[in-house]
Amino acid sequence: MEPSRRPGGRSARVRDAVRQATLAELAGKGFRGLTVEHVAERSGVHKTTVYRRWGSVEGLISDALELARDEPWPVPDTGAVEGDLRGVARLVQSGFADPELGPVSSAFVAAAMQSPEAARALHDFFQARHEQSAQVVRRAVERGELPRTVDAHELIRAAVAPIYYRLFVTHEPVTEADAD
């Protein structure tokens, strides 16, 4: 029988400290500047512990995305599909515009372009966000605004895709008006 893990305690404190240090390092230095040594130093956790538990910067990023994946997202409920989709697009835009969250979010995308492990973690993160956001489409179907045949996940992807295109393909700034 495997020993059970306690939800709190030292293990949880170490994971939280390393996660916070990873996010701070990503915000300050981006993916290219992220090192296990810097995360260990910032977190106060010995680097051998970080290497043993996370293995690499990709492991650190995957863990941070795994934890973020399950965090609730404030899905809009304006009472109309147009307002709700606009709200989802604004959430994405404002996340990247945020001075603290934006660099971290961009670093996650950069990491996914360079690491299969990070790409899998980012994919899982986006799947969770799309599932949460799909509520706006399901509500619109229930209200009769959209046909029952609409694919909720695809509609969410289509609503936010222009934002990602501008940010990561054409490298243009995205304003709230662009999200609208």
C-alpha atoms as a PDB file:
ATOM      1  CA  MET A   1       0.000   0.000   0.000  1.00  0.00           C
ATOM      2  CA  GLU A   2       1.292   3.439  -0.948  1.00  0.00           C
ATOM      3  CA  PRO A   3       1.610   5.982   1.830  1.00  0.00           C
ATOM      4  CA  SER A   4      -1.015   8.684   1.463  1.00  0.00           C
ATOM      5  CA  ARG A   5       0.079  12.247   0.842  1.00  0.00           C
ATOM      6  CA  ARG A   6      -1.174  14.966   3.070  1.00  0.00           C
ATOM      7  CA  PRO A   7      -2.804  17.869   1.250  1.00  0.00           C
ATOM      8  CA  GLY A   8      -0.856  20.350   3.373  1.00  0.00           C
ATOM      9  CA  GLY A   9       2.420  20.132   5.186  1.00  0.00           C
ATOM     10  CA  ARG A  10       5.964  20.488   3.975  1.00  0.00           C
ATOM     11  CA  SER A  11       5.354  18.982   0.535  1.00  0.00           C
ATOM     12  CA  ALA A  12       2.579  21.472  -0.234  1.00  0.00           C
ATOM     13  CA  ARG A  13       4.685  24.369   1.067  1.00  0.00           C
ATOM     14  CA  VAL A  14       7.626  23.318  -1.102  1.00  0.00           C
ATOM     15  CA  ARG A  15       5.429  22.952  -4.180  1.00  0.00           C
ATOM     16  CA  ASP A  16       3.828  26.345  -3.586  1.00  0.00           C
ATOM     17  CA  ALA A  17       7.196  28.044  -2.989  1.00  0.00           C
ATOM     18  CA  VAL A  18       8.650  26.530  -6.164  1.00  0.00           C
ATOM     19  CA  ARG A  19       5.550  27.391  -8.170  1.00  0.00           C
ATOM     20  CA  GLN A  20       5.604  31.012  -6.990  1.00  0.00           C
ATOM     21  CA  ALA A  21       9.329  31.234  -7.736  1.00  0.00           C
ATOM     22  CA  THR A  22       8.766  29.741 -11.202  1.00  0.00           C
ATOM     23  CA  LEU A  23       6.051  32.297 -11.972  1.00  0.00           C
ATOM     24  CA  ALA A  24       8.206  35.161 -10.668  1.00  0.00           C
ATOM     25  CA  GLU A  25      11.186  34.029 -12.734  1.00  0.00           C
ATOM     26  CA  LEU A  26       9.020  33.687 -15.849  1.00  0.00           C
ATOM     27  CA  ALA A  27       7.562  37.146 -15.271  1.00  0.00           C
ATOM     28  CA  GLY A  28      10.983  38.686 -14.838  1.00  0.00           C
ATOM     29  CA  LYS A  29      13.118  36.740 -17.286  1.00  0.00           C
ATOM     30  CA  GLY A  30      10.825  34.821 -19.612  1.00  0.00           C
ATOM     31  CA  PHE A  31      11.260  31.210 -20.676  1.00  0.00           C
ATOM     32  CA  ARG A  32      14.819  31.702 -21.933  1.00  0.00           C
ATOM     33  CA  GLY A  33      15.913  33.110 -18.573  1.00  0.00           C
ATOM     34  CA  LEU A  34      14.248  30.403 -16.489  1.00  0.00           C
ATOM     35  CA  THR A  35      16.690  28.093 -14.718  1.00  0.00           C
ATOM     36  CA  VAL A  36      16.268  25.486 -12.022  1.00  0.00           C
ATOM     37  CA  GLU A  37      19.042  27.183 -10.063  1.00  0.00           C
ATOM     38  CA  HIS A  38      17.264  30.562 -10.041  1.00  0.00           C
ATOM     39  CA  VAL A  39      13.955  28.958  -9.060  1.00  0.00           C
ATOM     40  CA  ALA A  40      15.680  27.063  -6.244  1.00  0.00           C
ATOM     41  CA  GLU A  41      17.372  30.213  -4.987  1.00  0.00           C
ATOM     42  CA  ARG A  42      14.202  32.311  -5.162  1.00  0.00           C
ATOM     43  CA  SER A  43      12.043  29.620  -3.522  1.00  0.00           C
ATOM     44  CA  GLY A  44      14.487  28.759  -0.762  1.00  0.00           C
ATOM     45  CA  VAL A  45      14.310  25.112  -1.801  1.00  0.00           C
ATOM     46  CA  HIS A  46      17.567  23.259  -2.377  1.00  0.00           C
ATOM     47  CA  LYS A  47      18.285  22.809  -6.076  1.00  0.00           C
ATOM     48  CA  THR A  48      18.726  19.032  -5.704  1.00  0.00           C
ATOM     49  CA  THR A  49      15.139  18.881  -4.398  1.00  0.00           C
ATOM     50  CA  VAL A  50      13.940  20.923  -7.361  1.00  0.00           C
ATOM     51  CA  TYR A  51      15.836  18.713  -9.822  1.00  0.00           C
ATOM     52  CA  ARG A  52      14.620  15.526  -8.127  1.00  0.00           C
ATOM     53  CA  ARG A  53      10.965  16.577  -8.072  1.00  0.00           C
ATOM     54  CA  TRP A  54      10.640  18.634 -11.276  1.00  0.00           C
ATOM     55  CA  GLY A  55      13.638  17.480 -13.312  1.00  0.00           C
ATOM     56  CA  SER A  56      13.972  20.519 -15.564  1.00  0.00           C
ATOM     57  CA  VAL A  57      12.542  23.924 -16.414  1.00  0.00           C
ATOM     58  CA  GLU A  58       9.978  22.128 -18.565  1.00  0.00           C
ATOM     59  CA  GLY A  59       8.879  20.187 -15.482  1.00  0.00           C
ATOM     60  CA  LEU A  60       8.568  23.431 -13.545  1.00  0.00           C
ATOM     61  CA  ILE A  61       6.435  24.953 -16.297  1.00  0.00           C
ATOM     62  CA  SER A  62       4.292  21.831 -16.602  1.00  0.00           C
ATOM     63  CA  ASP A  63       3.643  21.825 -12.867  1.00  0.00           C
ATOM     64  CA  ALA A  64       2.729  25.517 -12.812  1.00  0.00           C
ATOM     65  CA  LEU A  65       0.322  24.992 -15.716  1.00  0.00           C
ATOM     66  CA  GLU A  66      -1.153  21.900 -14.060  1.00  0.00           C
ATOM     67  CA  LEU A  67      -1.926  23.877 -10.928  1.00  0.00           C
ATOM     68  CA  ALA A  68      -3.310  26.820 -12.940  1.00  0.00           C
ATOM     69  CA  ARG A  69      -5.451  24.507 -15.056  1.00  0.00           C
ATOM     70  CA  ASP A  70      -7.756  23.726 -12.154  1.00  0.00           C
ATOM     71  CA  GLU A  71      -8.153  27.302 -10.959  1.00  0.00           C
ATOM     72  CA  PRO A  72     -11.614  28.733 -11.656  1.00  0.00           C
ATOM     73  CA  TRP A  73     -11.937  31.326 -14.380  1.00  0.00           C
ATOM     74  CA  PRO A  74     -14.547  34.104 -14.127  1.00  0.00           C
ATOM     75  CA  VAL A  75     -16.684  33.041 -17.090  1.00  0.00           C
ATOM     76  CA  PRO A  76     -18.932  35.937 -18.149  1.00  0.00           C
ATOM     77  CA  ASP A  77     -22.709  35.723 -17.946  1.00  0.00           C
ATOM     78  CA  THR A  78     -24.213  38.791 -19.606  1.00  0.00           C
ATOM     79  CA  GLY A  79     -27.405  37.021 -20.664  1.00  0.00           C
ATOM     80  CA  ALA A  80     -26.518  37.078 -24.379  1.00  0.00           C
ATOM     81  CA  VAL A  81     -24.044  35.056 -26.417  1.00  0.00           C
ATOM     82  CA  GLU A  82     -22.491  38.131 -28.038  1.00  0.00           C
ATOM     83  CA  GLY A  83     -21.727  39.734 -24.684  1.00  0.00           C
ATOM     84  CA  ASP A  84     -20.491  36.468 -23.210  1.00  0.00           C
ATOM     85  CA  LEU A  85     -18.115  35.758 -26.125  1.00  0.00           C
ATOM     86  CA  ARG A  86     -16.890  39.354 -25.980  1.00  0.00           C
ATOM     87  CA  GLY A  87     -16.296  38.830 -22.250  1.00  0.00           C
ATOM     88  CA  VAL A  88     -14.274  35.656 -22.862  1.00  0.00           C
ATOM     89  CA  ALA A  89     -12.164  37.462 -25.473  1.00  0.00           C
ATOM     90  CA  ARG A  90     -11.617  40.347 -23.056  1.00  0.00           C
ATOM     91  CA  LEU A  91     -10.486  37.911 -20.345  1.00  0.00           C
ATOM     92  CA  VAL A  92      -7.840  36.531 -22.692  1.00  0.00           C
ATOM     93  CA  GLN A  93      -6.776  40.001 -23.852  1.00  0.00           C
ATOM     94  CA  SER A  94      -6.589  41.415 -20.334  1.00  0.00           C
ATOM     95  CA  GLY A  95      -4.611  38.422 -19.116  1.00  0.00           C
ATOM     96  CA  PHE A  96      -1.896  39.106 -21.663  1.00  0.00           C
ATOM     97  CA  ALA A  97      -2.069  42.866 -21.054  1.00  0.00           C
ATOM     98  CA  ASP A  98      -1.645  42.439 -17.293  1.00  0.00           C
ATOM     99  CA  PRO A  99       1.888  43.521 -16.281  1.00  0.00           C
ATOM    100  CA  GLU A 100       2.345  40.477 -14.017  1.00  0.00           C
ATOM    101  CA  LEU A 101       0.306  37.778 -15.771  1.00  0.00           C
ATOM    102  CA  GLY A 102       1.086  38.768 -19.359  1.00  0.00           C
ATOM    103  CA  PRO A 103       4.797  37.913 -19.346  1.00  0.00           C
ATOM    104  CA  VAL A 104       4.082  34.608 -17.595  1.00  0.00           C
ATOM    105  CA  SER A 105       1.368  33.686 -20.107  1.00  0.00           C
ATOM    106  CA  SER A 106       3.659  34.598 -22.993  1.00  0.00           C
ATOM    107  CA  ALA A 107       6.459  32.532 -21.440  1.00  0.00           C
ATOM    108  CA  PHE A 108       4.141  29.522 -21.252  1.00  0.00           C
ATOM    109  CA  VAL A 109       3.424  29.832 -24.981  1.00  0.00           C
ATOM    110  CA  ALA A 110       7.149  30.263 -25.754  1.00  0.00           C
ATOM    111  CA  ALA A 111       7.957  27.196 -23.663  1.00  0.00           C
ATOM    112  CA  ALA A 112       5.335  25.169 -25.514  1.00  0.00           C
ATOM    113  CA  MET A 113       6.982  26.088 -28.819  1.00  0.00           C
ATOM    114  CA  GLN A 114      10.278  24.643 -27.602  1.00  0.00           C
ATOM    115  CA  SER A 115       9.309  21.733 -25.367  1.00  0.00           C
ATOM    116  CA  PRO A 116       6.936  18.823 -25.989  1.00  0.00           C
ATOM    117  CA  GLU A 117       6.367  18.480 -22.229  1.00  0.00           C
ATOM    118  CA  ALA A 118       5.425  22.142 -21.907  1.00  0.00           C
ATOM    119  CA  ALA A 119       3.264  21.877 -25.048  1.00  0.00           C
ATOM    120  CA  ARG A 120       1.290  18.991 -23.516  1.00  0.00           C
ATOM    121  CA  ALA A 121       0.811  20.941 -20.293  1.00  0.00           C
ATOM    122  CA  LEU A 122      -0.308  24.055 -22.196  1.00  0.00           C
ATOM    123  CA  HIS A 123      -2.704  21.952 -24.282  1.00  0.00           C
ATOM    124  CA  ASP A 124      -4.250  20.523 -21.105  1.00  0.00           C
ATOM    125  CA  PHE A 125      -4.469  24.015 -19.623  1.00  0.00           C
ATOM    126  CA  PHE A 126      -6.278  25.327 -22.706  1.00  0.00           C
ATOM    127  CA  GLN A 127      -8.626  22.342 -22.753  1.00  0.00           C
ATOM    128  CA  ALA A 128      -9.651  23.148 -19.184  1.00  0.00           C
ATOM    129  CA  ARG A 129     -10.126  26.855 -20.007  1.00  0.00           C
ATOM    130  CA  HIS A 130     -12.150  26.009 -23.123  1.00  0.00           C
ATOM    131  CA  GLU A 131     -14.332  23.663 -21.084  1.00  0.00           C
ATOM    132  CA  GLN A 132     -14.986  26.377 -18.513  1.00  0.00           C
ATOM    133  CA  SER A 133     -15.671  28.935 -21.254  1.00  0.00           C
ATOM    134  CA  ALA A 134     -17.950  26.548 -23.156  1.00  0.00           C
ATOM    135  CA  GLN A 135     -20.586  27.364 -20.540  1.00  0.00           C
ATOM    136  CA  VAL A 136     -21.338  30.574 -22.435  1.00  0.00           C
ATOM    137  CA  VAL A 137     -22.127  28.586 -25.581  1.00  0.00           C
ATOM    138  CA  ARG A 138     -24.195  25.969 -23.744  1.00  0.00           C
ATOM    139  CA  ARG A 139     -26.231  28.736 -22.090  1.00  0.00           C
ATOM    140  CA  ALA A 140     -26.765  30.375 -25.495  1.00  0.00           C
ATOM    141  CA  VAL A 141     -28.023  27.051 -26.886  1.00  0.00           C
ATOM    142  CA  GLU A 142     -30.416  26.725 -23.931  1.00  0.00           C
ATOM    143  CA  ARG A 143     -31.707  30.268 -24.596  1.00  0.00           C
ATOM    144  CA  GLY A 144     -32.217  29.440 -28.273  1.00  0.00           C
ATOM    145  CA  GLU A 145     -29.578  31.908 -29.497  1.00  0.00           C
ATOM    146  CA  LEU A 146     -27.476  29.181 -31.104  1.00  0.00           C
ATOM    147  CA  PRO A 147     -28.397  25.858 -32.715  1.00  0.00           C
ATOM    148  CA  ARG A 148     -27.898  22.650 -30.729  1.00  0.00           C
ATOM    149  CA  THR A 149     -25.392  21.500 -33.356  1.00  0.00           C
ATOM    150  CA  VAL A 150     -22.832  24.196 -32.512  1.00  0.00           C
ATOM    151  CA  ASP A 151     -19.536  22.864 -31.167  1.00  0.00           C
ATOM    152  CA  ALA A 152     -18.996  24.871 -27.971  1.00  0.00           C
ATOM    153  CA  HIS A 153     -15.242  24.318 -27.835  1.00  0.00           C
ATOM    154  CA  GLU A 154     -14.724  25.301 -31.463  1.00  0.00           C
ATOM    155  CA  LEU A 155     -16.756  28.473 -31.027  1.00  0.00           C
ATOM    156  CA  ILE A 156     -14.638  29.445 -28.022  1.00  0.00           C
ATOM    157  CA  ARG A 157     -11.452  28.756 -30.008  1.00  0.00           C
ATOM    158  CA  ALA A 158     -12.747  30.884 -32.877  1.00  0.00           C
ATOM    159  CA  ALA A 159     -13.610  33.730 -30.498  1.00  0.00           C
ATOM    160  CA  VAL A 160     -10.123  33.939 -28.978  1.00  0.00           C
ATOM    161  CA  ALA A 161      -7.961  32.853 -31.925  1.00  0.00           C
ATOM    162  CA  PRO A 162      -7.563  36.381 -33.376  1.00  0.00           C
ATOM    163  CA  ILE A 163      -6.054  37.522 -30.084  1.00  0.00           C
ATOM    164  CA  TYR A 164      -3.445  34.784 -30.099  1.00  0.00           C
ATOM    165  CA  TYR A 165      -2.761  35.418 -33.798  1.00  0.00           C
ATOM    166  CA  ARG A 166      -2.020  39.082 -33.175  1.00  0.00           C
ATOM    167  CA  LEU A 167       0.057  38.400 -30.060  1.00  0.00           C
ATOM    168  CA  PHE A 168       2.153  35.484 -31.292  1.00  0.00           C
ATOM    169  CA  VAL A 169       2.133  35.553 -35.085  1.00  0.00           C
ATOM    170  CA  THR A 170       2.060  39.201 -36.118  1.00  0.00           C
ATOM    171  CA  HIS A 171       3.345  40.506 -32.736  1.00  0.00           C
ATOM    172  CA  GLU A 172       0.776  43.280 -32.564  1.00  0.00           C
ATOM    173  CA  PRO A 173      -0.594  44.702 -29.351  1.00  0.00           C
ATOM    174  CA  VAL A 174      -4.163  43.714 -28.585  1.00  0.00           C
ATOM    175  CA  THR A 175      -6.489  46.205 -26.959  1.00  0.00           C
ATOM    176  CA  GLU A 176      -9.887  45.747 -25.389  1.00  0.00           C
ATOM    177  CA  ALA A 177     -11.392  47.182 -28.577  1.00  0.00           C
ATOM    178  CA  ASP A 178      -9.596  44.457 -30.555  1.00  0.00           C
ATOM    179  CA  ALA A 179     -11.043  41.831 -28.233  1.00  0.00           C
ATOM    180  CA  ASP A 180     -14.504  43.261 -28.883  1.00  0.00           C
END
